[in-house]
Amino acid sequence: MRIMICEDEKHLADALVQLFARERITADVFYNGNDGLDNAMSDIYDVVVLDIMLPGIDGISILNSMRREGVTTPVLLLTARDALSDKVRGLDSGADDYLTKPFQTDELLARVRALSRRSSSSLIPSDELSCGDIVLDTASYELRCGANSIKLGRKEYDVMDLLMRNCGAAVSKDMMITRIWGYDSEAEDNNVEVYVSFLRKKLAFLGSGVSIRTLRGIGYTIDKT
C-alpha cells in the first residue's frame, strides 16, 4: 500500500515515513504544495496526509483541486492550528479527518486505520488474504496452499499482495510499477515480469491451482481455477 505525505517540516515528514514503513506502508513525501498538488492529482495513493500550511500552494487549495477533479482519495489534514473555524473549513473542503499538531503517533495510525476502512481498499493489511486455494499471510510474508507454504521476498510479496487484492481483475504493469516501485521510479516492465516469473514458480512449487495470467498489452490477472 502507498500513501502520500505533504509536510514542509522535514524532520516530521521523514519521521512519518519511518513510522509508516514499520507498518509495512510505503510513503512518498513532498515538502511543498506545488509538488504535493501534482502528485495528489495522480490518484495513485490509498491515503493522502496533507499539512494545511505549506510553501507554494496551501493544503486546502490542494484538497479543493482534488475534489473538484473527482479525486476521492481519503485525506487526513495536519495543522498546528486548533481553531474550530479551521477544522470546519478543512472538513467542508472535502477532508476525511483532521489532526492537530503535535499529535501522538498512535493516534495518527488509529485515524489512518479509520480512513482505510472507509475506502475501497484497506491500507492497514489484515492478517491474511485469500484467492482461490492460496492464502497470503501479511505478517510473515508466507504464501500457503493447503499444508504447503513458502516465504516471499519483499517485492514478490508486494506484487502478490496487489494481485490478490484485485483477485480476478486486471492489474496493469503501470499500476504495479507505480504502487510498488513508486511514482518517480525508473523501474520498467521487465522489473514486473521478473517478479511475476518468480511467483509463478512458487505457485507451481506449492501445487496451487491458481495461476497468474498475462493479459497482452494490459498486465496480469489471477485465475483461480
Protein backbone atom coordinates (compact mmCIF):
# COMPACT_ATOMS: atom_id res chain seq x y z
CA MET A 1 0.00 0.00 0.00
CA ARG A 2 1.18 3.51 -0.78
CA ILE A 3 0.36 6.84 0.82
CA MET A 4 1.41 10.41 0.15
CA ILE A 5 2.67 12.83 2.80
CA CYS A 6 2.87 16.56 2.05
CA GLU A 7 4.53 18.29 5.01
CA ASP A 8 7.05 21.16 4.98
CA GLU A 9 8.57 20.27 8.37
CA LYS A 10 11.22 17.92 7.01
CA HIS A 11 12.03 16.21 10.32
CA LEU A 12 8.36 15.45 10.95
CA ALA A 13 7.78 14.28 7.39
CA ASP A 14 10.78 11.94 7.46
CA ALA A 15 9.72 10.58 10.86
CA LEU A 16 6.26 9.79 9.44
CA VAL A 17 7.84 7.92 6.53
CA GLN A 18 9.72 5.73 9.03
CA LEU A 19 6.58 5.26 11.14
CA PHE A 20 4.56 4.02 8.18
CA ALA A 21 7.45 1.84 6.99
CA ARG A 22 7.25 -0.05 10.32
CA GLU A 23 3.60 -0.73 9.46
CA ARG A 24 4.67 -2.07 6.02
CA ILE A 25 3.20 1.01 4.31
CA THR A 26 5.21 2.82 1.64
CA ALA A 27 5.05 6.61 1.92
CA ASP A 28 6.12 9.17 -0.69
CA VAL A 29 6.93 12.55 0.87
CA PHE A 30 6.77 16.04 -0.65
CA TYR A 31 7.83 19.21 1.14
CA ASN A 32 5.89 21.90 -0.74
CA GLY A 33 2.40 22.43 -2.07
CA ASN A 34 3.30 22.54 -5.75
CA ASP A 35 4.82 19.05 -5.72
CA GLY A 36 2.03 17.90 -3.41
CA LEU A 37 -0.67 19.04 -5.83
CA ASP A 38 0.93 17.36 -8.86
CA ASN A 39 1.22 14.04 -7.07
CA ALA A 40 -2.11 14.14 -5.22
CA MET A 41 -3.87 14.62 -8.55
CA SER A 42 -2.30 11.41 -9.89
CA ASP A 43 -4.92 9.41 -7.92
CA ILE A 44 -2.41 6.60 -7.26
CA TYR A 45 -2.41 6.80 -3.46
CA ASP A 46 -4.54 4.99 -0.91
CA VAL A 47 -4.45 7.90 1.56
CA VAL A 48 -3.05 11.44 1.49
CA VAL A 49 -1.68 13.01 4.68
CA LEU A 50 -1.70 16.74 3.99
CA ASP A 51 -0.44 19.71 6.01
CA ILE A 52 -2.57 22.86 5.67
CA MET A 53 0.25 25.42 5.87
CA LEU A 54 2.66 24.71 3.00
CA PRO A 55 5.07 26.76 0.91
CA GLY A 56 3.58 27.39 -2.51
CA ILE A 57 0.05 26.02 -2.75
CA ASP A 58 -1.62 25.55 0.64
CA GLY A 59 -3.21 22.29 1.74
CA ILE A 60 -6.81 23.49 1.48
CA SER A 61 -6.23 24.55 -2.14
CA ILE A 62 -4.73 21.13 -2.90
CA LEU A 63 -7.74 19.46 -1.32
CA ASN A 64 -10.18 21.65 -3.24
CA SER A 65 -8.43 20.79 -6.52
CA MET A 66 -8.52 17.07 -5.74
CA ARG A 67 -12.23 17.04 -5.01
CA ARG A 68 -13.08 19.34 -7.94
CA GLU A 69 -11.33 16.94 -10.32
CA GLY A 70 -13.05 13.89 -8.81
CA VAL A 71 -10.06 12.51 -6.88
CA THR A 72 -11.70 10.72 -3.95
CA THR A 73 -8.56 9.55 -2.12
CA PRO A 74 -9.12 9.83 1.66
CA VAL A 75 -7.33 12.89 3.07
CA LEU A 76 -6.08 13.42 6.61
CA LEU A 77 -5.25 17.08 7.27
CA LEU A 78 -2.41 18.04 9.62
CA THR A 79 -2.08 21.54 11.06
CA ALA A 80 -0.72 23.43 14.04
CA ARG A 81 -3.96 25.40 14.18
CA ASP A 82 -6.67 24.30 16.59
CA ALA A 83 -9.38 26.86 15.88
CA LEU A 84 -12.81 25.40 15.20
CA SER A 85 -13.16 27.54 12.05
CA ASP A 86 -10.04 25.95 10.54
CA LYS A 87 -11.34 22.45 11.23
CA VAL A 88 -14.72 23.29 9.71
CA ARG A 89 -13.07 24.82 6.62
CA GLY A 90 -10.93 21.73 6.11
CA LEU A 91 -13.79 19.29 6.51
CA ASP A 92 -16.10 21.37 4.31
CA SER A 93 -13.41 21.30 1.60
CA GLY A 94 -13.62 17.52 1.49
CA ALA A 95 -11.15 16.31 4.13
CA ASP A 96 -11.97 12.97 5.71
CA ASP A 97 -10.27 13.70 9.03
CA TYR A 98 -8.30 16.37 10.86
CA LEU A 99 -5.38 16.09 13.31
CA THR A 100 -3.82 18.99 15.21
CA LYS A 101 -0.05 19.08 15.77
CA PRO A 102 1.61 18.00 17.97
CA PHE A 103 -0.01 14.58 17.97
CA GLN A 104 0.72 11.08 19.24
CA THR A 105 1.81 8.60 16.59
CA ASP A 106 -0.65 6.00 17.92
CA GLU A 107 -3.48 8.45 17.29
CA LEU A 108 -2.26 9.11 13.76
CA LEU A 109 -2.17 5.38 12.99
CA ALA A 110 -5.63 4.92 14.50
CA ARG A 111 -7.04 7.66 12.30
CA VAL A 112 -5.37 6.19 9.24
CA ARG A 113 -6.94 2.83 10.08
CA ALA A 114 -10.32 4.52 10.27
CA LEU A 115 -9.77 6.14 6.87
CA SER A 116 -8.72 2.82 5.38
CA ARG A 117 -11.99 1.22 6.45
CA ARG A 118 -13.93 3.90 4.57
CA SER A 119 -12.01 3.41 1.33
CA SER A 120 -12.44 0.63 -1.18
CA SER A 121 -9.00 -0.80 -0.39
CA SER A 122 -7.63 -1.43 3.06
CA LEU A 123 -4.47 0.49 3.93
CA ILE A 124 -3.67 -1.46 7.06
CA PRO A 125 -3.38 -5.08 5.99
CA SER A 126 -5.49 -7.77 7.57
CA ASP A 127 -3.63 -10.86 8.78
CA GLU A 128 -4.43 -12.89 5.67
CA LEU A 129 -5.54 -12.51 2.08
CA SER A 130 -7.06 -15.40 0.15
CA CYS A 131 -7.73 -16.04 -3.51
CA GLY A 132 -8.66 -19.47 -4.84
CA ASP A 133 -6.65 -22.09 -2.96
CA ILE A 134 -3.86 -19.75 -1.82
CA VAL A 135 -3.52 -17.67 1.35
CA LEU A 136 -1.06 -14.81 1.82
CA ASP A 137 -0.01 -14.11 5.41
CA THR A 138 0.60 -10.36 5.54
CA ALA A 139 2.53 -10.58 8.81
CA SER A 140 5.02 -13.33 7.89
CA TYR A 141 5.09 -12.85 4.07
CA GLU A 142 4.28 -16.56 3.69
CA LEU A 143 2.24 -17.84 0.76
CA ARG A 144 0.30 -21.02 1.58
CA CYS A 145 -1.61 -23.64 -0.33
CA GLY A 146 -3.05 -26.36 1.86
CA ALA A 147 -0.26 -27.72 4.06
CA ASN A 148 2.48 -26.24 1.86
CA SER A 149 3.99 -22.80 2.40
CA ILE A 150 6.84 -20.69 1.10
CA LYS A 151 8.36 -17.36 2.17
CA LEU A 152 8.18 -14.47 -0.29
CA GLY A 153 10.75 -11.74 -0.77
CA ARG A 154 9.59 -8.17 -0.24
CA LYS A 155 8.97 -7.31 -3.90
CA GLU A 156 7.41 -10.75 -4.53
CA TYR A 157 5.11 -10.09 -1.59
CA ASP A 158 4.18 -6.62 -2.87
CA VAL A 159 3.32 -7.97 -6.33
CA MET A 160 1.30 -10.88 -4.94
CA ASP A 161 -0.46 -8.62 -2.44
CA LEU A 162 -1.57 -6.27 -5.23
CA LEU A 163 -2.74 -9.13 -7.45
CA MET A 164 -4.65 -10.83 -4.63
CA ARG A 165 -6.33 -7.61 -3.53
CA ASN A 166 -7.60 -7.39 -7.11
CA CYS A 167 -8.30 -11.12 -7.43
CA GLY A 168 -9.88 -11.86 -10.80
CA ALA A 169 -9.43 -8.29 -12.07
CA ALA A 170 -6.82 -6.91 -14.45
CA VAL A 171 -3.81 -5.18 -12.89
CA SER A 172 -1.75 -3.14 -15.34
CA LYS A 173 2.02 -3.09 -15.34
CA ASP A 174 1.88 0.69 -14.92
CA MET A 175 -0.17 0.27 -11.76
CA MET A 176 2.29 -2.28 -10.40
CA ILE A 177 5.27 -0.04 -11.07
CA THR A 178 3.58 2.98 -9.52
CA ARG A 179 2.24 1.23 -6.43
CA ILE A 180 5.30 -0.96 -5.73
CA TRP A 181 8.33 0.93 -7.05
CA GLY A 182 6.98 4.47 -6.74
CA TYR A 183 5.71 7.28 -8.91
CA ASP A 184 9.18 8.58 -9.84
CA SER A 185 10.81 5.16 -10.10
CA GLU A 186 12.96 4.13 -13.05
CA ALA A 187 11.52 0.60 -12.89
CA GLU A 188 10.31 -0.77 -16.23
CA ASP A 189 8.03 -3.54 -17.47
CA ASN A 190 10.78 -6.12 -17.24
CA ASN A 191 11.07 -5.50 -13.47
CA VAL A 192 7.46 -6.60 -13.13
CA GLU A 193 7.98 -9.55 -15.45
CA VAL A 194 10.88 -10.87 -13.37
CA TYR A 195 8.85 -10.95 -10.15
CA VAL A 196 5.79 -12.41 -11.84
CA SER A 197 8.06 -15.21 -13.14
CA PHE A 198 9.34 -15.84 -9.60
CA LEU A 199 5.76 -16.00 -8.28
CA ARG A 200 4.65 -18.42 -11.00
CA LYS A 201 7.44 -20.79 -9.99
CA LYS A 202 6.44 -20.55 -6.33
CA LEU A 203 2.78 -21.23 -7.13
CA ALA A 204 3.89 -24.33 -9.07
CA PHE A 205 6.07 -25.40 -6.13
CA LEU A 206 3.07 -25.11 -3.79
CA GLY A 207 0.93 -27.20 -6.15
CA SER A 208 -1.66 -24.42 -6.39
CA GLY A 209 -4.41 -24.33 -8.99
CA VAL A 210 -4.08 -20.54 -9.05
CA SER A 211 -2.18 -19.04 -11.97
CA ILE A 212 -1.03 -15.56 -12.93
CA ARG A 213 -2.28 -14.97 -16.45
CA THR A 214 -0.74 -12.42 -18.81
CA LEU A 215 -3.21 -10.02 -20.41
CA ARG A 216 -1.37 -8.97 -23.53
CA GLY A 217 -0.95 -5.20 -23.75
CA ILE A 218 -2.55 -4.72 -20.33
CA GLY A 219 -0.89 -6.55 -17.46
CA TYR A 220 -1.84 -9.54 -15.35
CA THR A 221 -4.71 -11.17 -13.53
CA ILE A 222 -5.05 -14.09 -11.13
CA ASP A 223 -7.03 -17.08 -12.40
CA LYS A 224 -8.50 -19.08 -9.51
CA THR A 225 -9.23 -22.26 -11.47
